[in-house]
N, C-alpha and C. Protein backbone atom coordinates (compact mmCIF):
# COMPACT_ATOMS: atom_id res chain seq x y z
N MET A 1 0.79 -1.14 0.00
CA MET A 1 -0.12 0.05 -0.02
C MET A 1 0.83 1.16 -0.08
N SER A 2 0.79 2.17 -1.08
CA SER A 2 1.60 3.41 -1.05
C SER A 2 0.79 4.43 -0.50
N LEU A 3 1.39 5.15 0.44
CA LEU A 3 0.81 6.27 1.18
C LEU A 3 1.16 7.52 0.64
N LYS A 4 0.34 8.45 0.64
CA LYS A 4 0.57 9.95 0.23
C LYS A 4 0.16 10.71 1.40
N ILE A 5 0.83 11.73 1.51
CA ILE A 5 0.52 12.88 2.41
C ILE A 5 -0.04 13.96 1.51
N ARG A 6 -1.35 14.21 1.58
CA ARG A 6 -1.95 15.10 0.54
C ARG A 6 -3.05 16.11 1.15
N LEU A 7 -3.64 16.83 0.33
CA LEU A 7 -4.56 17.77 0.77
C LEU A 7 -5.99 17.17 0.33
N SER A 8 -6.88 17.30 1.24
CA SER A 8 -8.20 16.78 1.16
C SER A 8 -9.12 18.16 1.16
N ARG A 9 -9.85 18.55 0.20
CA ARG A 9 -10.57 19.74 0.23
C ARG A 9 -11.80 19.49 1.04
N ALA A 10 -12.03 20.72 1.66
CA ALA A 10 -13.30 20.92 2.43
C ALA A 10 -13.74 22.31 2.20
N GLY A 11 -14.69 22.84 2.86
CA GLY A 11 -15.08 24.19 2.65
C GLY A 11 -16.14 24.39 1.65
N ALA A 12 -16.64 25.61 1.57
CA ALA A 12 -17.76 25.84 0.64
C ALA A 12 -17.12 26.20 -0.82
N LYS A 13 -18.06 26.34 -1.67
CA LYS A 13 -17.72 26.68 -3.15
C LYS A 13 -17.06 28.13 -2.91
N LYS A 14 -15.89 28.14 -3.66
CA LYS A 14 -15.09 29.29 -3.80
C LYS A 14 -14.42 29.77 -2.42
N ARG A 15 -14.59 28.87 -1.56
CA ARG A 15 -14.03 29.24 -0.14
C ARG A 15 -13.27 27.93 0.36
N PRO A 16 -12.13 27.56 -0.33
CA PRO A 16 -11.31 26.36 -0.03
C PRO A 16 -10.82 26.26 1.35
N PHE A 17 -10.72 25.11 1.90
CA PHE A 17 -10.01 24.78 3.05
C PHE A 17 -9.65 23.44 2.93
N TYR A 18 -8.30 23.07 3.37
CA TYR A 18 -7.82 21.82 3.13
C TYR A 18 -7.42 21.08 4.50
N ARG A 19 -7.68 19.84 4.40
CA ARG A 19 -6.99 18.99 5.52
C ARG A 19 -5.87 18.35 4.97
N ILE A 20 -4.75 18.30 5.80
CA ILE A 20 -3.57 17.48 5.35
C ILE A 20 -3.75 16.06 5.95
N VAL A 21 -3.92 15.08 4.96
CA VAL A 21 -4.16 13.67 5.49
C VAL A 21 -3.05 12.70 4.88
N VAL A 22 -3.04 11.52 5.53
CA VAL A 22 -2.25 10.57 5.07
C VAL A 22 -3.28 9.55 4.47
N ALA A 23 -3.19 9.16 3.23
CA ALA A 23 -4.19 8.45 2.60
C ALA A 23 -3.51 7.44 1.67
N ASP A 24 -4.19 6.33 1.47
CA ASP A 24 -3.73 5.43 0.39
C ASP A 24 -3.80 6.06 -1.06
N ALA A 25 -2.82 5.93 -1.75
CA ALA A 25 -2.70 6.56 -3.08
C ALA A 25 -3.94 6.19 -4.09
N ARG A 26 -4.55 5.09 -3.87
CA ARG A 26 -5.69 4.61 -4.72
C ARG A 26 -7.04 5.22 -4.28
N MET A 27 -7.12 5.90 -3.20
CA MET A 27 -8.37 6.53 -2.71
C MET A 27 -8.59 7.80 -3.21
N PRO A 28 -9.90 8.22 -3.44
CA PRO A 28 -10.24 9.53 -3.99
C PRO A 28 -9.62 10.65 -3.07
N ARG A 29 -9.60 11.97 -3.80
CA ARG A 29 -9.04 13.00 -3.04
C ARG A 29 -9.75 13.27 -1.68
N ASP A 30 -10.98 13.27 -1.68
CA ASP A 30 -11.70 13.55 -0.42
C ASP A 30 -12.33 12.29 0.25
N GLY A 31 -11.73 11.31 -0.12
CA GLY A 31 -12.13 9.84 0.34
C GLY A 31 -11.56 9.47 1.63
N ARG A 32 -11.52 8.11 1.62
CA ARG A 32 -11.10 7.48 2.96
C ARG A 32 -9.61 7.85 3.14
N PHE A 33 -9.17 8.17 4.37
CA PHE A 33 -7.79 8.39 4.79
C PHE A 33 -7.32 7.62 5.92
N VAL A 34 -6.03 7.64 6.24
CA VAL A 34 -5.49 6.81 7.34
C VAL A 34 -5.56 7.74 8.59
N GLU A 35 -4.99 8.92 8.41
CA GLU A 35 -4.86 9.78 9.56
C GLU A 35 -4.87 11.39 9.08
N ARG A 36 -5.57 12.22 9.91
CA ARG A 36 -5.49 13.48 9.60
C ARG A 36 -4.32 14.24 10.42
N ILE A 37 -3.44 14.86 9.81
CA ILE A 37 -2.29 15.37 10.66
C ILE A 37 -2.32 17.03 10.51
N GLY A 38 -3.15 17.57 9.88
CA GLY A 38 -3.13 19.13 10.01
C GLY A 38 -4.16 19.74 9.02
N THR A 39 -4.18 21.09 8.94
CA THR A 39 -4.97 21.73 8.06
C THR A 39 -4.36 22.88 7.41
N PHE A 40 -4.89 23.28 6.29
CA PHE A 40 -4.22 24.43 5.54
C PHE A 40 -5.42 25.31 5.02
N ASP A 41 -5.24 26.50 5.36
CA ASP A 41 -6.34 27.58 4.88
C ASP A 41 -5.78 28.61 3.93
N PRO A 42 -5.83 28.40 2.71
CA PRO A 42 -5.18 29.45 1.83
C PRO A 42 -5.67 30.71 1.70
N LEU A 43 -6.90 31.05 2.28
CA LEU A 43 -7.48 32.28 2.06
C LEU A 43 -6.84 33.33 3.34
N LYS A 44 -6.27 32.69 4.33
CA LYS A 44 -5.77 33.54 5.32
C LYS A 44 -4.42 34.18 4.86
N PRO A 45 -3.98 35.20 5.41
CA PRO A 45 -2.66 35.82 5.07
C PRO A 45 -1.51 34.86 5.27
N LYS A 46 -0.53 35.07 4.62
CA LYS A 46 0.60 34.26 4.77
C LYS A 46 1.32 34.24 6.15
N GLU A 47 1.26 35.36 6.78
CA GLU A 47 1.92 35.66 8.03
C GLU A 47 1.09 34.95 9.21
N ASP A 48 -0.19 34.77 9.00
CA ASP A 48 -1.06 34.27 10.01
C ASP A 48 -0.64 32.82 10.33
N THR A 49 -0.54 32.53 11.79
CA THR A 49 -0.20 31.14 12.28
C THR A 49 -1.28 30.20 11.98
N ALA A 50 -2.39 30.55 11.87
CA ALA A 50 -3.49 29.55 11.69
C ALA A 50 -3.62 29.25 10.10
N ARG A 51 -2.93 29.77 9.25
CA ARG A 51 -2.97 29.34 7.97
C ARG A 51 -2.58 27.90 7.74
N LEU A 52 -1.42 27.53 8.43
CA LEU A 52 -0.97 26.15 8.33
C LEU A 52 -0.88 25.63 9.70
N VAL A 53 -1.80 24.67 10.09
CA VAL A 53 -1.67 23.95 11.45
C VAL A 53 -1.25 22.54 11.08
N LEU A 54 -0.17 22.03 11.64
CA LEU A 54 0.36 20.72 11.31
C LEU A 54 1.04 20.04 12.53
N ASP A 55 0.64 18.88 12.67
CA ASP A 55 1.35 18.06 13.76
C ASP A 55 2.72 17.52 13.31
N ALA A 56 3.68 18.24 13.67
CA ALA A 56 5.06 17.99 12.96
C ALA A 56 5.55 16.62 13.36
N GLU A 57 5.27 16.19 14.56
CA GLU A 57 5.62 14.84 14.96
C GLU A 57 5.15 13.72 14.07
N LYS A 58 3.88 13.84 13.91
CA LYS A 58 3.06 12.85 13.11
C LYS A 58 3.53 13.12 11.64
N ALA A 59 3.91 14.14 11.08
CA ALA A 59 4.34 14.24 9.70
C ALA A 59 5.74 13.65 9.63
N LYS A 60 6.62 13.76 10.62
CA LYS A 60 7.91 13.25 10.58
C LYS A 60 7.77 11.67 10.59
N ALA A 61 6.89 11.15 11.46
CA ALA A 61 6.69 9.81 11.63
C ALA A 61 6.26 9.12 10.26
N TRP A 62 5.28 9.80 9.56
CA TRP A 62 4.82 9.30 8.25
C TRP A 62 5.82 9.37 7.30
N LEU A 63 6.65 10.36 7.26
CA LEU A 63 7.62 10.40 6.31
C LEU A 63 8.78 9.29 6.49
N ALA A 64 9.02 9.02 7.78
CA ALA A 64 9.97 7.98 8.14
C ALA A 64 9.41 6.54 7.76
N LYS A 65 7.98 6.51 7.71
CA LYS A 65 7.52 5.12 7.30
C LYS A 65 7.47 5.04 5.77
N GLY A 66 7.75 6.09 5.17
CA GLY A 66 7.73 6.06 3.68
C GLY A 66 6.77 6.68 2.90
N ALA A 67 5.83 7.54 3.66
CA ALA A 67 4.66 8.20 2.92
C ALA A 67 5.34 9.38 2.00
N GLN A 68 4.70 9.32 0.88
CA GLN A 68 5.19 10.40 -0.15
C GLN A 68 4.50 11.60 -0.13
N PRO A 69 4.90 12.77 0.24
CA PRO A 69 4.14 14.08 0.10
C PRO A 69 3.92 14.43 -1.37
N THR A 70 2.76 15.04 -1.72
CA THR A 70 2.42 15.55 -2.95
C THR A 70 3.21 16.84 -3.02
N ASP A 71 3.24 17.32 -4.20
CA ASP A 71 4.06 18.74 -4.59
C ASP A 71 3.71 19.84 -3.48
N ARG A 72 2.53 20.05 -3.48
CA ARG A 72 2.01 21.18 -2.58
C ARG A 72 2.25 20.96 -1.09
N VAL A 73 2.13 19.70 -0.62
CA VAL A 73 2.33 19.44 0.66
C VAL A 73 3.84 19.56 0.91
N LEU A 74 4.67 19.05 -0.08
CA LEU A 74 6.10 19.17 0.14
C LEU A 74 6.56 20.52 0.16
N ARG A 75 5.89 21.37 -0.51
CA ARG A 75 6.26 22.93 -0.34
C ARG A 75 5.81 23.34 1.06
N LEU A 76 4.73 22.98 1.47
CA LEU A 76 4.41 23.41 2.85
C LEU A 76 5.24 22.83 3.92
N LEU A 77 5.64 21.70 3.79
CA LEU A 77 6.64 21.05 4.70
C LEU A 77 8.00 21.59 4.62
N ASP A 78 8.30 22.05 3.39
CA ASP A 78 9.70 22.79 3.16
C ASP A 78 9.59 24.09 3.95
N GLY A 79 8.48 24.80 3.90
CA GLY A 79 8.35 26.00 4.61
C GLY A 79 8.55 25.94 6.11
N LEU A 80 8.12 24.70 6.61
CA LEU A 80 8.40 24.56 8.01
C LEU A 80 9.59 23.88 8.42
N GLY A 81 10.55 23.49 7.47
CA GLY A 81 11.67 22.91 7.67
C GLY A 81 11.73 21.39 7.96
N LEU A 82 10.50 20.78 7.66
CA LEU A 82 10.33 19.31 7.84
C LEU A 82 10.87 18.47 6.72
N ALA A 83 10.98 18.95 5.62
CA ALA A 83 11.41 18.28 4.46
C ALA A 83 11.99 19.24 3.45
N LYS A 84 12.96 18.68 2.60
CA LYS A 84 13.60 19.49 1.65
C LYS A 84 13.06 19.42 0.28
N ARG A 85 12.69 20.43 -0.41
CA ARG A 85 12.07 20.61 -1.75
C ARG A 85 13.04 21.05 -2.60
N GLU A 86 13.40 20.39 -3.72
CA GLU A 86 14.17 21.00 -4.70
C GLU A 86 13.37 21.95 -5.57
N ALA A 87 13.95 23.18 -5.76
CA ALA A 87 13.33 24.16 -6.54
C ALA A 87 13.14 23.67 -8.12
N HIS A 88 12.08 23.85 -8.68
CA HIS A 88 11.72 23.52 -10.07
C HIS A 88 12.27 24.72 -10.94
N ASN A 89 13.04 24.34 -11.87
CA ASN A 89 13.47 25.29 -12.82
C ASN A 89 13.60 24.60 -14.30
N ASN A 90 12.92 25.20 -15.15
CA ASN A 90 12.82 24.62 -16.52
C ASN A 90 13.03 25.77 -17.44
N PRO A 91 14.24 26.23 -17.81
CA PRO A 91 14.42 27.35 -18.56
C PRO A 91 14.11 27.12 -19.96
N GLN A 92 13.97 25.85 -20.39
CA GLN A 92 13.52 25.57 -21.82
C GLN A 92 12.01 25.90 -22.02
N LYS A 93 11.28 25.90 -20.90
CA LYS A 93 9.79 26.08 -21.07
C LYS A 93 9.51 27.46 -21.44
N ALA A 94 10.37 28.50 -20.99
CA ALA A 94 10.18 29.89 -21.28
C ALA A 94 10.51 30.27 -22.63
N LEU A 95 11.13 29.41 -23.43
CA LEU A 95 11.62 29.72 -24.78
C LEU A 95 10.66 29.70 -25.77
N PRO A 96 10.69 30.63 -26.77
CA PRO A 96 9.53 30.54 -27.83
C PRO A 96 9.74 29.33 -28.52
N LYS A 97 8.58 28.67 -29.07
CA LYS A 97 8.57 27.45 -29.94
C LYS A 97 9.15 27.73 -31.27
N LYS A 98 9.18 26.61 -32.02
CA LYS A 98 10.05 26.57 -33.32
C LYS A 98 9.56 27.63 -34.28
N LYS A 99 8.27 27.77 -34.44
CA LYS A 99 7.66 28.82 -35.41
C LYS A 99 7.92 30.17 -35.06
N ALA A 100 7.80 30.57 -33.75
CA ALA A 100 8.17 31.85 -33.19
C ALA A 100 9.61 32.16 -33.33
N GLN A 101 10.51 31.20 -33.16
CA GLN A 101 11.83 31.42 -33.30
C GLN A 101 12.26 31.61 -34.81
N GLU A 102 11.60 30.93 -35.72
CA GLU A 102 11.81 31.27 -37.21
C GLU A 102 11.37 32.50 -37.48
N ARG A 103 10.17 33.03 -36.96
CA ARG A 103 9.69 34.40 -37.21
C ARG A 103 10.71 35.41 -36.73
N SER A 104 11.16 35.29 -35.55
CA SER A 104 12.03 36.17 -35.10
C SER A 104 13.30 36.31 -35.84
N ALA A 105 13.95 35.22 -36.35
CA ALA A 105 15.17 35.05 -37.04
C ALA A 105 14.80 35.79 -38.34
N ALA A 106 13.70 35.52 -38.96
CA ALA A 106 13.41 36.07 -40.30
C ALA A 106 13.34 37.64 -40.12
N ALA A 107 12.74 38.05 -39.07
CA ALA A 107 12.58 39.40 -38.83
C ALA A 107 13.95 40.18 -38.57
N ALA A 108 14.87 39.42 -37.77
CA ALA A 108 16.16 39.96 -37.52
C ALA A 108 17.01 40.00 -38.85
N ALA A 109 16.83 39.09 -39.77
CA ALA A 109 17.47 39.02 -41.09
C ALA A 109 17.00 40.27 -41.90
N ALA A 110 15.80 40.43 -41.87
CA ALA A 110 15.17 41.52 -42.65
C ALA A 110 15.57 42.88 -42.20
N ALA A 111 15.74 43.00 -40.84
CA ALA A 111 16.17 44.25 -40.24
C ALA A 111 17.71 44.49 -40.61
N GLU A 112 18.53 43.38 -40.66
CA GLU A 112 19.86 43.54 -40.96
C GLU A 112 20.04 44.01 -42.31
N LYS A 113 19.19 43.21 -43.26
CA LYS A 113 19.40 43.59 -44.72
C LYS A 113 18.95 45.04 -44.97
N ALA A 114 17.84 45.50 -44.28
CA ALA A 114 17.44 46.98 -44.50
C ALA A 114 18.49 47.87 -44.03
N GLU A 115 19.10 47.43 -43.02
CA GLU A 115 20.28 48.33 -42.32
C GLU A 115 21.39 48.31 -43.43
N LYS A 116 21.74 47.23 -43.87
CA LYS A 116 22.92 47.21 -44.92
C LYS A 116 22.43 48.17 -46.16
N ALA A 117 21.19 48.03 -46.59
CA ALA A 117 20.91 48.74 -47.84
C ALA A 117 20.72 50.27 -47.47
N GLU A 118 20.42 50.52 -46.29
CA GLU A 118 20.47 52.02 -45.98
C GLU A 118 21.83 52.64 -45.78
N ALA A 119 22.72 51.71 -45.28
CA ALA A 119 24.14 52.19 -45.12
C ALA A 119 25.00 52.22 -46.54
N ALA A 120 24.59 51.37 -47.55
CA ALA A 120 25.25 51.33 -48.75
C ALA A 120 25.20 52.49 -49.70
N PRO A 121 24.00 53.12 -49.89
CA PRO A 121 24.05 54.45 -50.70
C PRO A 121 24.59 55.70 -50.02
N ALA A 122 24.73 55.63 -48.76
CA ALA A 122 25.30 56.71 -47.98
C ALA A 122 26.77 56.98 -48.32
N SER A 123 27.50 55.83 -48.65
CA SER A 123 28.80 55.91 -48.87
C SER A 123 29.25 56.32 -50.14
C-alpha cells in the first residue's frame, strides 16, 4: 500500500479549506484516509499562524514510514523545515517555440538587410 500525504478539500464553493491527510494513493481526493495530521487555509494571510496547522511529529513519523508528500504538501513541509524540496526550474519552458523562433530570425535578417541597404547608398 503506497501512502501519500496530501490535501483533502473541504469548505464551501469558492472558499477552499484543506485538511492535510495521510491516505492510500488509490483512494479519491476527499475519500477514505488513514490519519489527519493538519489543516491548511489558503485564504488567510501568509503571516497568519492559523494558515497552516500541522502536527510536526506525526508528519515526521509518516515520512519516516515512507509516505510520499504531494508537490503542494512538500512545499508546505519545506516552509516549516520538515522536508527539503528542490526548486523546479525549467528554462527551456520559457523559450519561444520553433515557429516563433523562425519568425524572429526572419525579422532579424530583414532588419539587418534593411540596415545594410540604408548604409550602402550613403557611402
